[in-house]
Amino acid sequence: MWDKTLDHFNEYLERNRKIKKRIDCIIAFFDFSLKQKLNKMTKQLYIILLSVVLLSCSKQSTEEDVTPVKETTYVVSTYAGKEQTGKTDGKLTEALFDNPAGLAFDSKDNLYIADVSNYAVRVISPSGVVSTINSKASPFDSAPNQIHVGVDDEVVISTIYPRNGWLCKTYSEKNGLKDFVVDAKAIDVMSTNTVFKNSKGDYFFFYGSSLSKLSPSLVLDKDWMEDVEASATQLDGNIVSVDKNDNFYMLSGFFESAFDGQIKIISPDKSIKFLKGDSFVNNPKVYNHGDGSLPKAHIGIVSGLCVDKAGIIYFIEHDLGLGYRIRKIDLDKKVTTIAGGLTEGYKDGDGKDALFTYPSGIAVDSKGNIYVSDYNRIRKISVK
């Protein structure tokens, strides 16, 4: 019996080497003691003492082995652009924009920017060179405001007022900038907005109160999904994002935000689920007020969002009378504030100290860096 007890004890110590190192001397003592011809009461006493040692060492080891979770901190910097407006290409430090809005990355980490007031789409290469997409055959006679990049790297460019029969504009390295023309009898393009693609090459867009679908062969399903409330901020930047499973992440409409949730997710089978946070805020004192798990976490007015390859949602949020914040929702529905403050402004630095003026577009590159269009600047948020 005693030999078997020692065997179990040694097996336990092999699994817990830190305990083994601490109590080698105790092992030796008990190993010696248990092999002696002791009376029954003494042996039972040794067993009790052995159990006490095991429990106390186990507790001590567990407490020492727990590594505190280090909080991720972020730093905000100005990536490109300045306070003044303009349309200057070249180095990041020289580039000028005029009211940039929607942002999107392609698979090569080229950043596409809807430069609204310049009536242009700008591109920042991974090496940090700013250029403008030009086409005499397809000039922008309406301001671009939203950008979506499909899995095939085709850039879909929505404009504030589609016209001349084109639903949107598209761009690819192979085909350049082109008008996406549709049958005017089938679609009144002036009633459409926010065009985006899924992984199968289908185009989707808001058309009246419906979400319409246009196949790659241009087969139209105007009422693919009816009674879809479009976001009230549809003239801003990123209001729709598509994940790797073709789920559509959207800003909720006005009434949906109030009653159902600030963010809605439409799956390929047309089912809808909402992410709802507590919209009430009362005299916040810290930049990350309202962090926590949904639905108890606070979420104010959401004005832009994107989803990365892992399914993490990044969004722009503000409350009336307060500043803008950049926040994220993890897969476990935990809401965390990344950067921003209690007031509007312009300030780089640690996330807790940074301020934003009027952010509208948001995108994430392949390395996890977050980019935000903010007034006439492109801001970058990276892990410190």
Protein backbone atom coordinates (compact mmCIF):
# COMPACT_ATOMS: atom_id res chain seq x y z
CA MET A 1 0.00 0.00 0.00
CA TRP A 2 2.79 2.41 0.97
CA ASP A 3 4.81 1.70 -2.17
CA LYS A 4 1.74 2.38 -4.31
CA THR A 5 1.13 5.66 -2.44
CA LEU A 6 4.69 6.72 -3.19
CA ASP A 7 4.29 5.77 -6.84
CA HIS A 8 1.22 8.03 -7.15
CA PHE A 9 3.05 10.78 -5.33
CA ASN A 10 6.04 10.59 -7.70
CA GLU A 11 3.76 10.55 -10.75
CA TYR A 12 2.12 13.72 -9.46
CA LEU A 13 5.49 15.37 -8.99
CA GLU A 14 6.61 14.45 -12.51
CA ARG A 15 3.55 16.27 -13.87
CA ASN A 16 4.30 19.24 -11.63
CA ARG A 17 8.05 19.73 -11.87
CA LYS A 18 8.05 23.08 -10.08
CA ILE A 19 6.60 21.41 -7.00
CA LYS A 20 9.12 18.61 -7.36
CA LYS A 21 12.05 20.98 -7.19
CA ARG A 22 10.71 22.66 -4.07
CA ILE A 23 10.06 19.57 -2.06
CA ASP A 24 12.84 17.16 -2.99
CA CYS A 25 13.89 17.18 0.62
CA ILE A 26 10.34 16.39 1.74
CA ILE A 27 10.19 13.50 -0.71
CA ALA A 28 13.34 12.06 0.68
CA PHE A 29 11.94 12.35 4.17
CA PHE A 30 8.67 10.64 3.36
CA ASP A 31 10.38 8.03 1.19
CA PHE A 32 12.48 7.08 4.15
CA SER A 33 9.67 7.24 6.66
CA LEU A 34 7.15 5.21 4.72
CA LYS A 35 9.59 2.34 4.32
CA GLN A 36 10.17 1.99 8.04
CA LYS A 37 8.28 -0.48 10.17
CA LEU A 38 6.08 2.05 11.89
CA ASN A 39 2.88 1.44 13.78
CA LYS A 40 -0.44 2.04 12.06
CA MET A 41 -1.17 5.36 13.77
CA THR A 42 2.23 6.82 12.81
CA LYS A 43 1.81 5.74 9.19
CA GLN A 44 -1.62 7.39 9.05
CA LEU A 45 -0.11 10.56 10.47
CA TYR A 46 2.51 10.57 7.75
CA ILE A 47 -0.17 10.16 5.08
CA ILE A 48 -2.12 13.11 6.49
CA LEU A 49 1.03 15.25 6.53
CA LEU A 50 1.84 14.18 2.97
CA SER A 51 -1.62 15.27 1.80
CA VAL A 52 -1.25 18.63 3.49
CA VAL A 53 2.11 19.20 1.79
CA LEU A 54 0.68 18.29 -1.61
CA LEU A 55 -2.26 20.63 -1.24
CA SER A 56 -0.21 23.58 -0.02
CA CYS A 57 2.44 23.15 -2.72
CA SER A 58 -0.18 22.74 -5.40
CA LYS A 59 -1.90 25.97 -4.33
CA GLN A 60 1.41 27.81 -4.17
CA SER A 61 2.44 26.57 -7.61
CA THR A 62 -0.90 27.51 -9.14
CA GLU A 63 -0.70 31.01 -7.73
CA GLU A 64 2.87 31.49 -8.94
CA ASP A 65 2.18 30.02 -12.38
CA VAL A 66 -0.65 32.45 -13.17
CA THR A 67 0.79 35.10 -15.50
CA PRO A 68 -1.12 38.39 -15.45
CA VAL A 69 -2.67 39.17 -18.84
CA LYS A 70 -0.86 42.16 -20.27
CA GLU A 71 -3.25 44.76 -21.61
CA THR A 72 -2.69 45.56 -25.27
CA THR A 73 -1.85 49.22 -25.77
CA TYR A 74 -2.02 51.10 -29.05
CA VAL A 75 -0.32 54.15 -30.51
CA VAL A 76 -1.89 56.56 -33.00
CA SER A 77 0.13 58.41 -35.64
CA THR A 78 -0.57 60.51 -38.71
CA TYR A 79 0.16 58.24 -41.65
CA ALA A 80 -0.51 60.68 -44.50
CA GLY A 81 -2.13 64.06 -45.11
CA LYS A 82 -2.12 67.36 -43.30
CA GLU A 83 -4.60 69.85 -41.93
CA GLN A 84 -4.79 71.76 -45.20
CA THR A 85 -6.68 70.37 -48.17
CA GLY A 86 -5.15 69.57 -51.55
CA LYS A 87 -4.50 66.87 -54.10
CA THR A 88 -0.80 66.12 -53.92
CA ASP A 89 0.66 62.70 -54.66
CA GLY A 90 4.08 61.41 -53.69
CA LYS A 91 5.62 60.70 -50.31
CA LEU A 92 3.40 60.23 -47.27
CA THR A 93 4.76 63.39 -45.69
CA GLU A 94 3.91 65.43 -48.80
CA ALA A 95 0.50 64.00 -49.74
CA LEU A 96 -2.63 66.10 -49.43
CA PHE A 97 -6.28 65.01 -49.40
CA ASP A 98 -9.64 66.72 -49.31
CA ASN A 99 -12.21 64.98 -47.11
CA PRO A 100 -11.14 61.31 -47.46
CA ALA A 101 -13.87 58.84 -46.49
CA GLY A 102 -14.09 55.12 -47.36
CA LEU A 103 -10.97 52.95 -47.05
CA ALA A 104 -10.15 49.41 -48.18
CA PHE A 105 -7.08 47.20 -48.60
CA ASP A 106 -6.42 44.73 -51.40
CA SER A 107 -4.53 41.46 -50.94
CA LYS A 108 -1.20 43.23 -51.55
CA ASP A 109 -1.85 45.82 -48.82
CA ASN A 110 -2.48 48.68 -51.23
CA LEU A 111 -4.76 51.13 -49.41
CA TYR A 112 -7.56 52.62 -51.55
CA ILE A 113 -9.08 55.90 -50.41
CA ALA A 114 -12.29 57.61 -51.53
CA ASP A 115 -11.10 61.23 -51.67
CA VAL A 116 -14.56 62.78 -51.69
CA SER A 117 -14.03 66.48 -52.35
CA ASN A 118 -11.28 65.81 -54.88
CA TYR A 119 -13.62 63.53 -56.87
CA ALA A 120 -10.85 60.94 -56.94
CA VAL A 121 -9.67 57.58 -55.67
CA ARG A 122 -6.21 57.68 -54.16
CA VAL A 123 -3.91 54.73 -53.49
CA ILE A 124 -1.14 54.32 -50.93
CA SER A 125 1.28 51.53 -51.81
CA PRO A 126 2.86 49.29 -49.15
CA SER A 127 6.09 51.25 -49.66
CA GLY A 128 4.30 54.49 -48.75
CA VAL A 129 3.80 56.22 -52.09
CA VAL A 130 0.53 58.05 -52.75
CA SER A 131 -0.95 58.09 -56.28
CA THR A 132 -4.27 58.88 -57.96
CA ILE A 133 -6.32 56.54 -60.14
CA ASN A 134 -7.03 58.42 -63.34
CA SER A 135 -9.09 57.66 -66.43
CA LYS A 136 -10.10 60.11 -69.17
CA ALA A 137 -12.64 57.54 -70.37
CA SER A 138 -14.25 57.24 -66.92
CA PRO A 139 -13.92 60.52 -65.02
CA PHE A 140 -15.62 60.98 -61.67
CA ASP A 141 -18.59 63.26 -62.23
CA SER A 142 -19.92 62.27 -58.82
CA ALA A 143 -17.92 62.13 -55.61
CA PRO A 144 -16.73 58.67 -54.49
CA ASN A 145 -17.46 57.94 -50.86
CA GLN A 146 -17.26 54.20 -50.25
CA ILE A 147 -14.70 51.60 -51.31
CA HIS A 148 -14.97 47.82 -51.25
CA VAL A 149 -12.34 45.37 -52.49
CA GLY A 150 -13.47 41.90 -53.56
CA VAL A 151 -11.50 38.71 -53.05
CA ASP A 152 -10.39 39.03 -56.69
CA ASP A 153 -8.90 42.45 -55.83
CA GLU A 154 -11.47 44.27 -57.94
CA VAL A 155 -12.07 47.66 -56.32
CA VAL A 156 -15.76 48.61 -56.20
CA ILE A 157 -16.27 52.36 -55.85
CA SER A 158 -19.62 53.73 -54.73
CA THR A 159 -20.41 57.39 -55.40
CA ILE A 160 -22.77 59.77 -53.67
CA TYR A 161 -24.96 60.23 -56.75
CA PRO A 162 -24.63 57.48 -59.38
CA ARG A 163 -25.53 58.76 -62.84
CA ASN A 164 -25.36 58.19 -66.59
CA GLY A 165 -26.55 54.61 -66.21
CA TRP A 166 -23.63 53.35 -64.14
CA LEU A 167 -24.23 51.70 -60.82
CA CYS A 168 -20.69 52.21 -59.56
CA LYS A 169 -17.15 52.30 -60.84
CA THR A 170 -14.69 49.44 -60.71
CA TYR A 171 -10.94 49.34 -60.83
CA SER A 172 -8.39 46.57 -61.34
CA GLU A 173 -4.78 46.54 -62.42
CA LYS A 174 -5.80 44.61 -65.51
CA ASN A 175 -8.82 46.64 -66.64
CA GLY A 176 -8.16 50.03 -65.08
CA LEU A 177 -11.00 52.32 -64.01
CA LYS A 178 -14.35 51.53 -65.64
CA ASP A 179 -18.03 52.44 -65.39
CA PHE A 180 -20.22 49.58 -64.21
CA VAL A 181 -23.21 50.17 -66.49
CA VAL A 182 -26.57 48.49 -65.87
CA ASP A 183 -29.88 48.41 -67.68
CA ALA A 184 -31.57 51.73 -66.92
CA LYS A 185 -34.98 50.11 -67.42
CA ALA A 186 -34.25 47.59 -64.69
CA ILE A 187 -32.57 49.86 -62.17
CA ASP A 188 -32.87 53.53 -61.43
CA VAL A 189 -29.26 54.06 -60.38
CA MET A 190 -30.17 57.32 -58.68
CA SER A 191 -32.03 55.22 -56.08
CA THR A 192 -29.04 53.00 -55.30
CA ASN A 193 -26.08 53.28 -52.96
CA THR A 194 -23.34 51.28 -51.27
CA VAL A 195 -22.19 48.61 -53.73
CA PHE A 196 -20.10 45.67 -52.50
CA LYS A 197 -19.19 42.10 -53.51
CA ASN A 198 -19.15 38.64 -52.00
CA SER A 199 -16.55 35.95 -52.65
CA LYS A 200 -18.62 34.48 -55.52
CA GLY A 201 -18.46 37.69 -57.50
CA ASP A 202 -22.06 38.75 -56.84
CA TYR A 203 -22.64 42.49 -56.45
CA PHE A 204 -24.99 43.76 -53.73
CA PHE A 205 -26.40 47.23 -53.24
CA PHE A 206 -29.17 49.07 -51.42
CA TYR A 207 -32.09 49.82 -53.73
CA GLY A 208 -34.97 51.58 -52.07
CA SER A 209 -35.91 49.45 -49.07
CA SER A 210 -34.35 46.28 -50.49
CA LEU A 211 -30.92 44.76 -50.71
CA SER A 212 -30.48 43.84 -54.38
CA LYS A 213 -28.19 41.26 -55.93
CA LEU A 214 -26.54 41.32 -59.35
CA SER A 215 -24.77 38.16 -60.46
CA PRO A 216 -21.46 38.20 -62.39
CA SER A 217 -23.52 37.48 -65.53
CA LEU A 218 -25.67 40.56 -64.66
CA VAL A 219 -28.78 38.62 -63.65
CA LEU A 220 -30.67 40.96 -61.34
CA ASP A 221 -32.62 40.08 -58.22
CA LYS A 222 -33.93 43.47 -57.13
CA ASP A 223 -35.60 42.12 -54.00
CA TRP A 224 -32.96 39.62 -52.90
CA MET A 225 -33.77 40.76 -49.37
CA GLU A 226 -36.66 43.07 -48.68
CA ASP A 227 -37.22 45.59 -45.89
CA VAL A 228 -33.55 46.15 -45.15
CA GLU A 229 -33.17 49.40 -43.28
CA ALA A 230 -30.18 51.27 -44.67
CA SER A 231 -27.91 53.23 -42.38
CA ALA A 232 -28.72 56.87 -41.90
CA THR A 233 -25.01 57.61 -42.36
CA GLN A 234 -24.80 55.99 -45.79
CA LEU A 235 -23.03 59.05 -47.23
CA ASP A 236 -20.06 58.42 -44.94
CA GLY A 237 -17.29 55.89 -45.40
CA ASN A 238 -17.25 52.22 -44.47
CA ILE A 239 -20.80 51.22 -43.58
CA VAL A 240 -20.59 47.64 -44.91
CA SER A 241 -17.88 45.00 -44.57
CA VAL A 242 -17.84 41.39 -45.80
CA ASP A 243 -16.05 38.59 -43.95
CA LYS A 244 -14.46 35.44 -45.38
CA ASN A 245 -17.74 33.53 -45.02
CA ASP A 246 -19.73 36.15 -46.95
CA ASN A 247 -21.49 37.53 -43.90
CA PHE A 248 -22.37 41.21 -44.34
CA TYR A 249 -21.57 43.47 -41.39
CA MET A 250 -23.55 46.70 -41.59
CA LEU A 251 -24.37 49.79 -39.63
CA SER A 252 -27.94 49.44 -38.46
CA GLY A 253 -30.61 51.91 -39.52
CA PHE A 254 -31.98 54.52 -37.15
CA PHE A 255 -34.80 52.46 -35.64
CA GLU A 256 -32.74 49.26 -35.65
CA SER A 257 -30.00 50.99 -33.68
CA ALA A 258 -32.50 52.12 -31.09
CA PHE A 259 -34.38 48.85 -30.65
CA ASP A 260 -32.36 45.95 -32.07
CA GLY A 261 -28.68 46.79 -32.06
CA GLN A 262 -26.11 49.18 -33.45
CA ILE A 263 -24.53 46.62 -35.81
CA LYS A 264 -26.35 44.00 -37.87
CA ILE A 265 -24.95 40.89 -39.55
CA ILE A 266 -26.69 39.39 -42.58
CA SER A 267 -25.66 35.83 -43.38
CA PRO A 268 -25.75 34.25 -46.86
CA ASP A 269 -29.04 32.51 -45.91
CA LYS A 270 -30.53 35.99 -45.27
CA SER A 271 -30.84 35.57 -41.54
CA ILE A 272 -30.08 38.66 -39.46
CA LYS A 273 -28.56 39.00 -36.04
CA PHE A 274 -27.76 42.18 -34.18
CA LEU A 275 -24.94 43.22 -31.89
CA LYS A 276 -26.46 45.46 -29.28
CA GLY A 277 -24.77 47.41 -26.55
CA ASP A 278 -26.12 49.67 -23.86
CA SER A 279 -26.63 53.04 -25.57
CA PHE A 280 -26.90 55.02 -22.34
CA VAL A 281 -23.83 56.93 -21.18
CA ASN A 282 -23.68 58.98 -17.98
CA ASN A 283 -20.87 61.47 -17.39
CA PRO A 284 -17.93 59.27 -18.44
CA LYS A 285 -14.57 59.97 -16.81
CA VAL A 286 -12.17 57.77 -18.78
CA TYR A 287 -11.49 57.23 -22.48
CA ASN A 288 -12.43 53.53 -22.34
CA HIS A 289 -15.73 53.98 -20.54
CA GLY A 290 -18.29 51.31 -21.33
CA ASP A 291 -15.82 48.54 -22.17
CA GLY A 292 -16.91 45.00 -21.38
CA SER A 293 -19.00 42.22 -22.83
CA LEU A 294 -22.19 42.68 -24.83
CA PRO A 295 -24.97 43.44 -24.17
CA LYS A 296 -23.84 45.29 -21.03
CA ALA A 297 -20.98 47.11 -22.76
CA HIS A 298 -21.77 50.60 -23.97
CA ILE A 299 -21.97 51.34 -27.70
CA GLY A 300 -22.85 54.81 -28.89
CA ILE A 301 -23.46 55.99 -32.46
CA VAL A 302 -21.51 53.82 -34.91
CA SER A 303 -20.41 55.65 -38.06
CA GLY A 304 -18.02 53.20 -39.71
CA LEU A 305 -16.87 49.60 -39.41
CA CYS A 306 -14.75 46.84 -40.89
CA VAL A 307 -14.10 43.19 -40.09
CA ASP A 308 -10.71 41.49 -40.33
CA LYS A 309 -9.89 37.96 -41.49
CA ALA A 310 -10.28 36.59 -37.97
CA GLY A 311 -13.79 38.02 -37.64
CA ILE A 312 -12.91 40.86 -35.24
CA ILE A 313 -15.02 43.96 -35.81
CA TYR A 314 -13.42 47.41 -35.68
CA PHE A 315 -15.70 50.41 -35.55
CA ILE A 316 -15.86 54.18 -35.19
CA GLU A 317 -18.12 55.39 -32.40
CA HIS A 318 -19.15 58.62 -30.78
CA ASP A 319 -21.71 59.95 -28.33
CA LEU A 320 -23.39 63.30 -28.62
CA GLY A 321 -21.27 65.91 -26.91
CA LEU A 322 -18.28 63.57 -26.63
CA GLY A 323 -15.35 62.66 -28.84
CA TYR A 324 -14.79 59.87 -31.35
CA ARG A 325 -13.39 56.50 -30.37
CA ILE A 326 -11.99 53.54 -32.29
CA ARG A 327 -13.18 50.29 -30.71
CA LYS A 328 -13.33 46.59 -31.46
CA ILE A 329 -15.58 43.62 -30.75
CA ASP A 330 -13.79 40.30 -30.27
CA LEU A 331 -15.20 36.90 -31.17
CA ASP A 332 -16.38 36.51 -27.57
CA LYS A 333 -18.36 39.78 -27.95
CA LYS A 334 -16.05 41.71 -25.69
CA VAL A 335 -15.92 45.42 -26.54
CA THR A 336 -12.58 47.20 -26.10
CA THR A 337 -11.65 50.82 -26.73
CA ILE A 338 -8.47 51.08 -28.81
CA ALA A 339 -8.04 54.82 -29.11
CA GLY A 340 -9.89 58.11 -28.83
CA GLY A 341 -11.07 60.44 -26.13
CA LEU A 342 -13.91 62.24 -24.46
CA THR A 343 -13.57 65.27 -26.75
CA GLU A 344 -13.03 65.89 -30.44
CA GLY A 345 -9.65 67.12 -31.63
CA TYR A 346 -6.42 66.12 -33.29
CA LYS A 347 -3.71 64.48 -31.25
CA ASP A 348 -1.33 61.59 -31.91
CA GLY A 349 0.17 59.41 -29.21
CA ASP A 350 -0.94 56.56 -26.98
CA GLY A 351 -4.44 55.35 -27.68
CA LYS A 352 -5.77 56.66 -24.38
CA ASP A 353 -4.47 60.15 -25.19
CA ALA A 354 -5.19 60.34 -28.93
CA LEU A 355 -8.01 62.48 -30.32
CA PHE A 356 -9.92 62.34 -33.62
CA THR A 357 -11.60 65.18 -35.48
CA TYR A 358 -14.16 63.52 -37.75
CA PRO A 359 -13.30 59.90 -38.63
CA SER A 360 -15.47 58.14 -41.22
CA GLY A 361 -13.50 55.36 -42.93
CA ILE A 362 -11.73 52.43 -41.30
CA ALA A 363 -9.71 49.48 -42.62
CA VAL A 364 -7.22 46.90 -41.32
CA ASP A 365 -4.12 45.70 -43.18
CA SER A 366 -2.72 42.16 -43.21
CA LYS A 367 -0.49 42.92 -40.21
CA GLY A 368 -3.35 44.10 -38.02
CA ASN A 369 -2.64 47.83 -38.27
CA ILE A 370 -5.79 49.97 -38.29
CA TYR A 371 -6.20 52.94 -40.61
CA VAL A 372 -8.77 55.68 -40.18
CA SER A 373 -9.69 58.55 -42.50
CA ASP A 374 -9.98 61.58 -40.25
CA TYR A 375 -10.81 64.97 -41.75
CA ASN A 376 -7.94 65.53 -44.26
CA ARG A 377 -5.63 62.94 -42.77
CA ILE A 378 -5.13 59.19 -42.75
CA ARG A 379 -4.36 58.07 -39.20
CA LYS A 380 -2.63 54.79 -38.34
CA ILE A 381 -3.18 52.78 -35.17
CA SER A 382 -0.72 50.04 -34.30
CA VAL A 383 0.12 47.91 -31.29
CA LYS A 384 2.67 49.66 -29.09
